[in-house]
């Protein structure tokens, strides 16, 4: 008899504690898009990207010019000169490939550096809302497949904690 009572209590307590838990969702992307710091970050990345694109265009123009000159070489041009020009074209192509890789890496590094404080401020705001609202969990709404009627969207509270509308 005592075992049955203990079993019943063991089954009821978790169910009762589950009903006392509070869950929330937050749309991090919506919050990020509303932050002025995010818009500033996008502007800086776009400016850096434009600078790299301009430099890349110059390198491509240089390559096209040298390739056109190579194609227009007269048949009487010594083979040693043709080989040297072909080597210059290959070196320039390698330079362009290296520049492209370096530019992509630098843009990724810049984006990570600029995003870190934004992400940290959002996480702090979510934690503040979670603690003040006594939430057990707050999930990213962009990754949830189902949210029951008792799950609260806390995106407005997080925005408010960050000082955005």
C-alpha atoms as a PDB file:
ATOM      1  CA  UNK A   1       0.000   0.000   0.000  1.00  0.00           C
ATOM      2  CA  UNK A   2       2.805   2.451   0.885  1.00  0.00           C
ATOM      3  CA  UNK A   3       4.580   1.570  -2.362  1.00  0.00           C
ATOM      4  CA  UNK A   4       1.433   2.451  -4.339  1.00  0.00           C
ATOM      5  CA  UNK A   5       1.100   5.781  -2.536  1.00  0.00           C
ATOM      6  CA  UNK A   6       4.779   6.602  -3.116  1.00  0.00           C
ATOM      7  CA  UNK A   7       4.421   5.642  -6.778  1.00  0.00           C
ATOM      8  CA  UNK A   8       1.343   7.846  -7.133  1.00  0.00           C
ATOM      9  CA  UNK A   9       3.150  10.766  -5.444  1.00  0.00           C
ATOM     10  CA  UNK A  10       6.192  10.195  -7.656  1.00  0.00           C
ATOM     11  CA  UNK A  11       3.998  10.385 -10.747  1.00  0.00           C
ATOM     12  CA  UNK A  12       1.989  13.421  -9.597  1.00  0.00           C
ATOM     13  CA  UNK A  13       4.911  15.600  -8.401  1.00  0.00           C
ATOM     14  CA  UNK A  14       6.681  15.864 -11.767  1.00  0.00           C
ATOM     15  CA  UNK A  15       3.362  16.638 -13.446  1.00  0.00           C
ATOM     16  CA  UNK A  16       2.686  19.368 -10.893  1.00  0.00           C
ATOM     17  CA  UNK A  17       6.164  20.813 -11.235  1.00  0.00           C
ATOM     18  CA  UNK A  18       5.820  20.790 -15.035  1.00  0.00           C
ATOM     19  CA  UNK A  19       2.687  22.899 -14.776  1.00  0.00           C
ATOM     20  CA  UNK A  20       4.590  25.389 -12.621  1.00  0.00           C
ATOM     21  CA  UNK A  21       7.303  25.770 -15.241  1.00  0.00           C
ATOM     22  CA  UNK A  22       7.137  28.746 -17.530  1.00  0.00           C
ATOM     23  CA  UNK A  23       8.359  28.656 -21.122  1.00  0.00           C
ATOM     24  CA  UNK A  24       8.954  31.455 -23.572  1.00  0.00           C
ATOM     25  CA  UNK A  25      10.031  31.984 -27.148  1.00  0.00           C
ATOM     26  CA  UNK A  26      11.956  34.849 -28.631  1.00  0.00           C
ATOM     27  CA  UNK A  27      12.566  35.838 -32.248  1.00  0.00           C
ATOM     28  CA  UNK A  28      16.260  36.722 -32.209  1.00  0.00           C
ATOM     29  CA  UNK A  29      16.308  37.654 -35.907  1.00  0.00           C
ATOM     30  CA  UNK A  30      13.488  40.169 -35.421  1.00  0.00           C
ATOM     31  CA  UNK A  31      15.320  41.704 -32.472  1.00  0.00           C
ATOM     32  CA  UNK A  32      18.617  41.838 -34.326  1.00  0.00           C
ATOM     33  CA  UNK A  33      17.028  43.542 -37.355  1.00  0.00           C
ATOM     34  CA  UNK A  34      15.545  46.201 -35.041  1.00  0.00           C
ATOM     35  CA  UNK A  35      18.877  47.071 -33.396  1.00  0.00           C
ATOM     36  CA  UNK A  36      20.683  50.209 -34.658  1.00  0.00           C
ATOM     37  CA  UNK A  37      24.007  48.453 -33.970  1.00  0.00           C
ATOM     38  CA  UNK A  38      23.030  45.721 -36.434  1.00  0.00           C
ATOM     39  CA  UNK A  39      22.290  48.284 -39.159  1.00  0.00           C
ATOM     40  CA  UNK A  40      25.658  49.932 -38.458  1.00  0.00           C
ATOM     41  CA  UNK A  41      27.384  46.545 -38.677  1.00  0.00           C
ATOM     42  CA  UNK A  42      25.737  45.829 -42.037  1.00  0.00           C
ATOM     43  CA  UNK A  43      26.817  49.250 -43.346  1.00  0.00           C
ATOM     44  CA  UNK A  44      30.431  48.663 -42.292  1.00  0.00           C
ATOM     45  CA  UNK A  45      30.510  45.187 -43.854  1.00  0.00           C
ATOM     46  CA  UNK A  46      28.978  46.498 -47.081  1.00  0.00           C
ATOM     47  CA  UNK A  47      31.585  49.290 -47.231  1.00  0.00           C
ATOM     48  CA  UNK A  48      34.429  46.825 -46.714  1.00  0.00           C
ATOM     49  CA  UNK A  49      32.926  44.508 -49.297  1.00  0.00           C
ATOM     50  CA  UNK A  50      32.685  47.375 -51.814  1.00  0.00           C
ATOM     51  CA  UNK A  51      36.352  48.247 -51.231  1.00  0.00           C
ATOM     52  CA  UNK A  52      37.357  44.643 -51.916  1.00  0.00           C
ATOM     53  CA  UNK A  53      35.101  44.466 -54.983  1.00  0.00           C
ATOM     54  CA  UNK A  54      36.683  47.620 -56.412  1.00  0.00           C
ATOM     55  CA  UNK A  55      40.187  46.264 -55.892  1.00  0.00           C
ATOM     56  CA  UNK A  56      39.164  42.921 -57.400  1.00  0.00           C
ATOM     57  CA  UNK A  57      37.798  44.721 -60.473  1.00  0.00           C
ATOM     58  CA  UNK A  58      41.145  46.515 -60.902  1.00  0.00           C
ATOM     59  CA  UNK A  59      42.999  43.213 -60.744  1.00  0.00           C
ATOM     60  CA  UNK A  60      40.634  41.682 -63.307  1.00  0.00           C
ATOM     61  CA  UNK A  61      41.112  44.651 -65.632  1.00  0.00           C
ATOM     62  CA  UNK A  62      44.868  44.275 -65.329  1.00  0.00           C
ATOM     63  CA  UNK A  63      44.547  40.572 -66.155  1.00  0.00           C
ATOM     64  CA  UNK A  64      42.333  41.253 -69.179  1.00  0.00           C
ATOM     65  CA  UNK A  65      44.730  43.910 -70.458  1.00  0.00           C
ATOM     66  CA  UNK A  66      47.771  41.644 -70.135  1.00  0.00           C
ATOM     67  CA  UNK A  67      45.896  38.722 -71.709  1.00  0.00           C
ATOM     68  CA  UNK A  68      44.824  40.894 -74.659  1.00  0.00           C
ATOM     69  CA  UNK A  69      48.422  42.077 -75.097  1.00  0.00           C
ATOM     70  CA  UNK A  70      49.596  38.467 -74.971  1.00  0.00           C
ATOM     71  CA  UNK A  71      47.097  37.412 -77.634  1.00  0.00           C
ATOM     72  CA  UNK A  72      48.122  40.302 -79.886  1.00  0.00           C
ATOM     73  CA  UNK A  73      51.809  39.414 -79.803  1.00  0.00           C
ATOM     74  CA  UNK A  74      53.168  38.936 -83.267  1.00  0.00           C
ATOM     75  CA  UNK A  75      54.179  35.526 -84.431  1.00  0.00           C
ATOM     76  CA  UNK A  76      57.734  36.783 -84.791  1.00  0.00           C
ATOM     77  CA  UNK A  77      57.982  37.468 -81.042  1.00  0.00           C
ATOM     78  CA  UNK A  78      60.674  35.233 -79.537  1.00  0.00           C
ATOM     79  CA  UNK A  79      59.399  32.219 -77.592  1.00  0.00           C
ATOM     80  CA  UNK A  80      61.260  33.306 -74.425  1.00  0.00           C
ATOM     81  CA  UNK A  81      59.253  36.555 -74.311  1.00  0.00           C
ATOM     82  CA  UNK A  82      55.976  34.680 -74.863  1.00  0.00           C
ATOM     83  CA  UNK A  83      56.819  32.269 -72.043  1.00  0.00           C
ATOM     84  CA  UNK A  84      57.693  35.136 -69.710  1.00  0.00           C
ATOM     85  CA  UNK A  85      54.385  36.873 -70.487  1.00  0.00           C
ATOM     86  CA  UNK A  86      52.506  33.588 -69.937  1.00  0.00           C
ATOM     87  CA  UNK A  87      54.245  33.216 -66.573  1.00  0.00           C
ATOM     88  CA  UNK A  88      53.240  36.789 -65.673  1.00  0.00           C
ATOM     89  CA  UNK A  89      49.622  35.912 -66.505  1.00  0.00           C
ATOM     90  CA  UNK A  90      49.778  32.807 -64.315  1.00  0.00           C
ATOM     91  CA  UNK A  91      51.308  34.767 -61.427  1.00  0.00           C
ATOM     92  CA  UNK A  92      48.658  37.457 -61.755  1.00  0.00           C
ATOM     93  CA  UNK A  93      45.936  34.778 -61.750  1.00  0.00           C
ATOM     94  CA  UNK A  94      47.398  33.328 -58.542  1.00  0.00           C
ATOM     95  CA  UNK A  95      47.520  36.835 -57.059  1.00  0.00           C
ATOM     96  CA  UNK A  96      43.836  37.317 -57.904  1.00  0.00           C
ATOM     97  CA  UNK A  97      42.871  33.966 -56.358  1.00  0.00           C
ATOM     98  CA  UNK A  98      44.828  34.763 -53.192  1.00  0.00           C
ATOM     99  CA  UNK A  99      43.269  38.213 -52.993  1.00  0.00           C
ATOM    100  CA  UNK A 100      39.780  36.726 -53.283  1.00  0.00           C
ATOM    101  CA  UNK A 101      40.449  34.209 -50.490  1.00  0.00           C
ATOM    102  CA  UNK A 102      41.998  36.855 -48.230  1.00  0.00           C
ATOM    103  CA  UNK A 103      39.093  39.240 -48.826  1.00  0.00           C
ATOM    104  CA  UNK A 104      36.510  36.586 -47.948  1.00  0.00           C
ATOM    105  CA  UNK A 105      38.384  35.654 -44.783  1.00  0.00           C
ATOM    106  CA  UNK A 106      38.729  39.285 -43.743  1.00  0.00           C
ATOM    107  CA  UNK A 107      35.036  40.014 -44.322  1.00  0.00           C
ATOM    108  CA  UNK A 108      34.073  36.961 -42.257  1.00  0.00           C
ATOM    109  CA  UNK A 109      36.441  38.030 -39.472  1.00  0.00           C
ATOM    110  CA  UNK A 110      35.042  41.571 -39.494  1.00  0.00           C
ATOM    111  CA  UNK A 111      31.478  40.303 -39.365  1.00  0.00           C
ATOM    112  CA  UNK A 112      32.245  38.002 -36.440  1.00  0.00           C
ATOM    113  CA  UNK A 113      33.951  40.816 -34.527  1.00  0.00           C
ATOM    114  CA  UNK A 114      31.100  43.232 -35.135  1.00  0.00           C
ATOM    115  CA  UNK A 115      28.383  40.659 -34.370  1.00  0.00           C
ATOM    116  CA  UNK A 116      29.843  39.501 -31.066  1.00  0.00           C
ATOM    117  CA  UNK A 117      28.791  42.534 -28.965  1.00  0.00           C
ATOM    118  CA  UNK A 118      25.362  42.538 -30.635  1.00  0.00           C
ATOM    119  CA  UNK A 119      24.810  38.877 -29.822  1.00  0.00           C
ATOM    120  CA  UNK A 120      26.060  39.378 -26.268  1.00  0.00           C
ATOM    121  CA  UNK A 121      23.652  42.256 -25.650  1.00  0.00           C
ATOM    122  CA  UNK A 122      20.735  40.217 -26.984  1.00  0.00           C
ATOM    123  CA  UNK A 123      21.682  37.238 -24.795  1.00  0.00           C
ATOM    124  CA  UNK A 124      21.944  39.467 -21.719  1.00  0.00           C
ATOM    125  CA  UNK A 125      18.517  40.943 -22.440  1.00  0.00           C
ATOM    126  CA  UNK A 126      17.016  37.461 -22.889  1.00  0.00           C
ATOM    127  CA  UNK A 127      18.577  36.359 -19.609  1.00  0.00           C
ATOM    128  CA  UNK A 128      17.241  39.480 -17.870  1.00  0.00           C
ATOM    129  CA  UNK A 129      13.724  38.839 -19.180  1.00  0.00           C
ATOM    130  CA  UNK A 130      14.023  35.156 -18.276  1.00  0.00           C
ATOM    131  CA  UNK A 131      15.110  35.890 -14.723  1.00  0.00           C
ATOM    132  CA  UNK A 132      12.600  38.685 -14.105  1.00  0.00           C
ATOM    133  CA  UNK A 133       9.730  36.674 -15.609  1.00  0.00           C
ATOM    134  CA  UNK A 134      10.665  33.432 -13.815  1.00  0.00           C
ATOM    135  CA  UNK A 135      10.944  31.500 -17.074  1.00  0.00           C
ATOM    136  CA  UNK A 136      12.293  27.966 -16.966  1.00  0.00           C
ATOM    137  CA  UNK A 137      13.369  28.106 -20.611  1.00  0.00           C
ATOM    138  CA  UNK A 138      13.302  30.649 -23.409  1.00  0.00           C
ATOM    139  CA  UNK A 139      13.678  29.125 -26.849  1.00  0.00           C
ATOM    140  CA  UNK A 140      14.490  30.744 -30.177  1.00  0.00           C
ATOM    141  CA  UNK A 141      11.140  30.957 -31.990  1.00  0.00           C
ATOM    142  CA  UNK A 142      12.918  30.608 -35.323  1.00  0.00           C
ATOM    143  CA  UNK A 143      13.942  27.059 -34.428  1.00  0.00           C
ATOM    144  CA  UNK A 144      10.844  25.720 -32.715  1.00  0.00           C
ATOM    145  CA  UNK A 145       8.456  23.487 -34.583  1.00  0.00           C
ATOM    146  CA  UNK A 146       5.617  23.730 -32.114  1.00  0.00           C
ATOM    147  CA  UNK A 147       4.740  26.012 -29.258  1.00  0.00           C
ATOM    148  CA  UNK A 148       1.746  25.211 -27.128  1.00  0.00           C
ATOM    149  CA  UNK A 149      -0.725  27.778 -25.846  1.00  0.00           C
ATOM    150  CA  UNK A 150       1.162  28.133 -22.557  1.00  0.00           C
ATOM    151  CA  UNK A 151       4.398  29.227 -24.257  1.00  0.00           C
ATOM    152  CA  UNK A 152       4.744  32.996 -24.196  1.00  0.00           C
ATOM    153  CA  UNK A 153       6.447  35.075 -26.891  1.00  0.00           C
ATOM    154  CA  UNK A 154       8.879  37.296 -24.961  1.00  0.00           C
ATOM    155  CA  UNK A 155      10.281  39.114 -28.000  1.00  0.00           C
ATOM    156  CA  UNK A 156       8.588  42.416 -27.014  1.00  0.00           C
ATOM    157  CA  UNK A 157      10.052  42.227 -23.487  1.00  0.00           C
ATOM    158  CA  UNK A 158      13.553  41.553 -24.854  1.00  0.00           C
ATOM    159  CA  UNK A 159      13.210  44.469 -27.272  1.00  0.00           C
ATOM    160  CA  UNK A 160      12.127  46.656 -24.387  1.00  0.00           C
ATOM    161  CA  UNK A 161      15.120  45.498 -22.332  1.00  0.00           C
ATOM    162  CA  UNK A 162      17.356  46.555 -25.218  1.00  0.00           C
ATOM    163  CA  UNK A 163      15.596  49.897 -25.546  1.00  0.00           C
ATOM    164  CA  UNK A 164      14.094  49.238 -28.975  1.00  0.00           C
ATOM    165  CA  UNK A 165      10.484  49.275 -30.151  1.00  0.00           C
END
